[in-house]
Protein backbone atom coordinates (compact mmCIF):
# COMPACT_ATOMS: atom_id res chain seq x y z
CA MET A 1 0.41 18.26 5.50
CA SER A 2 -0.34 21.48 3.63
CA LEU A 3 -3.76 23.04 4.13
CA SER A 4 -4.07 23.11 0.32
CA THR A 5 -4.08 19.31 0.22
CA LYS A 6 -7.09 18.94 2.51
CA PRO A 7 -9.75 19.88 -0.09
CA GLU A 8 -8.08 17.69 -2.71
CA GLY A 9 -7.86 14.76 -0.33
CA SER A 10 -11.51 15.13 0.65
CA ALA A 11 -12.54 15.44 -3.00
CA LYS A 12 -10.69 12.25 -3.92
CA ILE A 13 -12.34 10.35 -1.10
CA GLY A 14 -15.74 11.68 -2.15
CA LEU A 15 -15.15 10.64 -5.77
CA ALA A 16 -13.98 7.21 -4.62
CA LEU A 17 -17.20 6.77 -2.67
CA LEU A 18 -19.20 7.91 -5.71
CA GLY A 19 -17.43 5.27 -7.79
CA VAL A 20 -18.07 2.59 -5.18
CA ALA A 21 -21.75 3.58 -5.01
CA ALA A 22 -22.05 3.31 -8.80
CA LEU A 23 -20.35 -0.08 -8.83
CA ALA A 24 -22.46 -1.38 -5.94
CA THR A 25 -25.63 -0.24 -7.68
CA SER A 26 -24.54 -1.92 -10.90
CA LEU A 27 -23.60 -5.13 -9.08
CA ASN A 28 -26.93 -5.21 -7.27
CA ARG A 29 -28.72 -4.91 -10.61
CA ALA A 30 -26.58 -7.69 -12.10
CA THR A 31 -27.37 -10.09 -9.26
CA HIS A 32 -31.08 -9.60 -9.89
CA THR A 33 -30.84 -10.30 -13.63
CA ASP A 34 -29.45 -13.09 -15.80
CA GLU A 35 -26.07 -11.33 -15.87
CA GLY A 36 -25.01 -12.45 -12.40
CA ALA A 37 -22.02 -11.46 -10.30
CA ALA A 38 -19.52 -13.64 -12.21
CA ASN A 39 -20.28 -11.89 -15.48
CA TRP A 40 -20.39 -8.49 -13.79
CA ILE A 41 -16.85 -8.82 -12.48
CA SER A 42 -15.74 -9.95 -15.94
CA TYR A 43 -16.33 -6.52 -17.47
CA PHE A 44 -13.15 -4.50 -17.95
CA THR A 45 -15.17 -1.42 -17.05
CA ASN A 46 -15.93 -2.72 -13.57
CA LEU A 47 -12.41 -3.99 -12.93
CA SER A 48 -10.85 -0.69 -13.99
CA ASN A 49 -13.31 1.27 -11.86
CA LEU A 50 -12.62 -0.90 -8.82
CA LEU A 51 -8.93 -0.08 -9.24
CA GLY A 52 -9.77 3.57 -9.78
CA ALA A 53 -11.87 3.80 -6.63
CA ALA A 54 -9.10 2.15 -4.60
CA VAL A 55 -6.49 4.56 -5.99
CA LEU A 56 -8.66 7.60 -5.28
CA LEU A 57 -9.48 6.46 -1.75
CA THR A 58 -5.85 5.64 -0.94
CA GLY A 59 -4.63 8.86 -2.51
CA GLY A 60 -7.20 10.95 -0.68
CA LEU A 61 -6.33 9.42 2.67
CA ALA A 62 -2.62 9.94 1.99
CA LEU A 63 -3.21 13.63 1.31
CA LEU A 64 -5.21 14.06 4.51
CA ARG A 65 -2.68 12.18 6.62
CA GLY A 66 0.47 13.47 4.96
CA THR A 67 1.69 9.93 4.26
CA ARG A 68 3.24 8.35 1.16
CA PRO A 69 1.18 8.98 -1.98
CA VAL A 70 -0.13 6.29 -4.30
CA PRO A 71 2.75 4.92 -6.41
CA ASP A 72 2.73 6.54 -9.84
CA LEU A 73 3.09 3.10 -11.44
CA LEU A 74 -0.33 2.24 -10.01
CA ARG A 75 -1.80 5.68 -10.61
CA GLY A 76 -0.67 5.62 -14.24
CA ALA A 77 -2.15 2.17 -14.76
CA ALA A 78 -5.52 3.27 -13.36
CA THR A 79 -5.46 6.38 -15.54
CA LEU A 80 -4.68 4.36 -18.66
CA TYR A 81 -7.37 1.74 -18.02
CA LEU A 82 -10.08 4.26 -17.22
CA VAL A 83 -9.29 6.56 -20.14
CA ILE A 84 -9.47 3.59 -22.53
CA THR A 85 -12.66 2.40 -20.80
CA GLY A 86 -14.28 5.76 -21.46
CA ALA A 87 -12.97 6.06 -25.01
CA VAL A 88 -14.09 2.56 -26.04
CA TYR A 89 -17.49 3.00 -24.44
CA TRP A 90 -18.32 6.37 -25.99
CA THR A 91 -17.02 5.41 -29.44
CA LEU A 92 -18.23 1.80 -29.73
CA LEU A 93 -20.73 0.88 -27.04
CA ALA A 94 -22.78 3.90 -25.96
CA GLY A 95 -25.62 3.04 -28.32
CA THR A 96 -25.91 -0.57 -27.15
CA ILE A 97 -26.99 -0.19 -23.49
CA ASP A 98 -29.93 -2.36 -22.49
CA ALA A 99 -33.14 -1.42 -20.71
CA ASN A 100 -31.80 -2.62 -17.35
CA THR A 101 -28.90 -0.17 -17.36
CA ILE A 102 -28.93 2.31 -14.47
CA ILE A 103 -28.07 5.54 -16.24
CA TRP A 104 -26.43 7.50 -13.43
CA ALA A 105 -24.17 4.59 -12.45
CA ASN A 106 -23.34 3.96 -16.10
CA ASN A 107 -22.35 7.61 -16.56
CA VAL A 108 -20.15 7.55 -13.45
CA VAL A 109 -18.10 4.51 -14.50
CA HIS A 110 -17.85 5.47 -18.17
CA GLY A 111 -17.71 9.25 -17.90
CA VAL A 112 -16.96 10.72 -14.50
CA MET A 113 -14.20 8.35 -13.39
CA PRO A 114 -12.25 8.45 -16.69
CA ALA A 115 -12.48 12.26 -16.74
CA VAL A 116 -11.33 12.54 -13.12
CA PHE A 117 -8.26 10.37 -13.67
CA LEU A 118 -7.26 12.09 -16.89
CA ALA A 119 -7.64 15.53 -15.28
CA ASP A 120 -5.66 14.44 -12.22
CA TRP A 121 -2.81 13.13 -14.41
CA LEU A 122 -2.73 16.34 -16.46
CA LEU A 123 -3.00 18.74 -13.51
CA ARG A 124 -0.83 16.82 -11.05
CA PRO A 125 1.62 14.74 -13.08
CA PRO A 126 4.35 12.67 -11.41
CA PRO A 127 7.10 14.85 -9.91
CA ARG A 128 9.85 13.45 -12.14
CA ARG A 129 10.26 12.02 -15.63
CA ILE A 130 9.06 8.47 -16.29
CA PRO A 131 11.36 6.09 -18.22
CA TRP A 132 9.42 4.67 -21.16
CA THR A 133 10.14 1.11 -20.07
CA ARG A 134 8.43 1.71 -16.73
CA SER A 135 5.08 2.06 -18.51
CA LEU A 136 5.29 -1.40 -20.11
CA PRO A 137 3.80 -3.18 -17.04
CA TRP A 138 0.63 -1.13 -17.60
CA LEU A 139 -0.07 -3.29 -20.66
CA ALA A 140 0.06 -6.58 -18.75
CA PHE A 141 -3.42 -6.38 -17.26
CA PRO A 142 -5.28 -5.65 -20.54
CA LEU A 143 -3.50 -8.58 -22.20
CA LEU A 144 -4.31 -10.90 -19.30
CA TYR A 145 -7.91 -9.66 -19.41
CA LEU A 146 -8.11 -10.48 -23.12
CA ALA A 147 -6.82 -14.00 -22.51
CA TYR A 148 -9.23 -14.47 -19.58
CA SER A 149 -12.23 -13.32 -21.63
CA LEU A 150 -11.44 -15.60 -24.56
CA LEU A 151 -10.77 -18.62 -22.33
CA ARG A 152 -13.82 -18.09 -20.13
CA GLY A 153 -16.22 -17.25 -22.94
CA PRO A 154 -16.74 -20.75 -24.38
CA HIS A 155 -17.34 -22.23 -20.92
CA ALA A 156 -19.65 -19.46 -19.72
CA GLY A 157 -21.41 -19.06 -23.06
CA TRP A 158 -20.96 -15.32 -22.58
CA TYR A 159 -18.51 -12.64 -23.66
CA PRO A 160 -18.33 -9.18 -22.06
CA TYR A 161 -18.19 -7.26 -25.34
CA ASP A 162 -19.33 -8.01 -28.88
CA PHE A 163 -15.88 -7.26 -30.28
CA LEU A 164 -14.50 -10.13 -28.17
CA ASP A 165 -17.25 -12.57 -29.14
CA PRO A 166 -16.19 -15.04 -31.87
CA ARG A 167 -19.86 -15.93 -32.40
CA GLU A 168 -20.32 -12.54 -34.04
CA PRO A 169 -19.92 -12.22 -37.84
CA GLY A 170 -16.28 -12.65 -38.75
CA GLY A 171 -15.57 -15.12 -35.95
CA TYR A 172 -12.08 -15.16 -34.50
CA GLY A 173 -10.81 -12.97 -37.32
CA HIS A 174 -13.15 -10.25 -36.10
CA VAL A 175 -11.92 -10.76 -32.53
CA ALA A 176 -8.26 -10.70 -33.61
CA THR A 177 -8.72 -7.46 -35.54
CA TRP A 178 -10.36 -5.68 -32.64
CA SER A 179 -7.85 -7.11 -30.18
CA VAL A 180 -5.00 -5.63 -32.20
CA ILE A 181 -6.79 -2.28 -32.51
CA ILE A 182 -7.49 -2.02 -28.79
CA THR A 183 -3.98 -3.20 -27.86
CA LEU A 184 -2.58 -0.44 -30.07
CA ALA A 185 -4.94 2.01 -28.38
CA PHE A 186 -3.63 0.99 -24.96
CA THR A 187 -0.04 1.26 -26.17
CA GLY A 188 -0.63 4.63 -27.78
CA MET A 189 -2.41 6.09 -24.76
CA ALA A 190 0.28 4.80 -22.39
CA SER A 191 2.87 6.51 -24.58
CA LEU A 192 0.92 9.76 -24.53
CA LEU A 193 0.62 9.71 -20.73
CA VAL A 194 4.38 9.23 -20.39
CA LEU A 195 5.14 11.76 -23.13
CA TYR A 196 3.04 14.40 -21.38
CA VAL A 197 4.87 13.95 -18.08
CA ASN A 198 8.32 13.96 -19.67
CA ALA A 199 7.51 16.98 -21.84
CA ARG A 200 6.38 18.89 -18.75
CA HIS A 201 9.70 18.21 -17.06
CA ARG A 202 11.74 19.08 -20.16
CA ARG A 203 10.04 22.48 -20.08
CA GLY A 204 10.71 22.77 -16.38
CA GLY A 205 7.02 22.48 -15.49
CA SER A 206 6.12 21.53 -11.96
CA GLY A 207 4.06 18.56 -10.88
CA GLY A 208 1.33 20.88 -9.69
CA PRO A 209 0.50 22.04 -6.17
CA GLY A 210 2.17 19.93 -3.52
CA ALA A 211 4.68 18.40 -5.92
CA SER A 212 7.61 19.34 -3.68
CA GLU A 213 5.96 17.49 -0.79
CA ARG A 214 5.62 14.39 -2.91
CA GLU A 215 9.26 14.59 -4.04
CA GLY A 216 10.38 14.72 -0.44
CA ARG A 217 8.53 11.54 0.41
CA ASP A 218 10.06 9.40 -2.32
CA ARG A 219 12.85 9.58 -4.88
CA ASP A 220 11.64 6.96 -7.36
CA PRO A 221 9.39 8.46 -10.08
CA MET A 222 7.26 5.34 -10.20
CA THR A 223 6.84 4.81 -6.47
CA ALA A 224 5.89 8.29 -5.34
């Protein structure tokens, strides 16, 4: 383990704990309101942040121990989901928070965590090029989440976001339009994340500090 990886590993663990604290605070609030735990876990924001916290914690521990890093397939998925979470929130939802929202926790899950993952991807990209087809599995979870939300909604009488609620003006046409828009956003952002990595390697750019250590631990660009 390089001494230079110790601060990064500690920082990732600290950020993971910050994310967990924000999620725990939000969950505690939900269990004391009409929202409840079942609805809380049905927000894409909370699911993506749970994944993000796990990736940060695992990655931080790997850096401190000098063990295998988080697979880039998983790291890329977390980056994609959190970047879209932040983008959708700040463009569509930021003005709709209710009086029960805990501001600091809200800012962590919608601002800090997306920014951290985007910065980490840009500053420490995967050590080798990513085949475009390897990013396709990243789209599976958002599509499954969409299906889950639409199937659960009528039974729960609740939808996580207005743009997924067919009871809003426009009905299912409104939902279909927004579903297509957000699916395209996921697809476009996934393409940009891959394009950035591959462009870096075409120019001969490195994967950032410690990239050679990561290359030595694994030869598959999506499992190192």
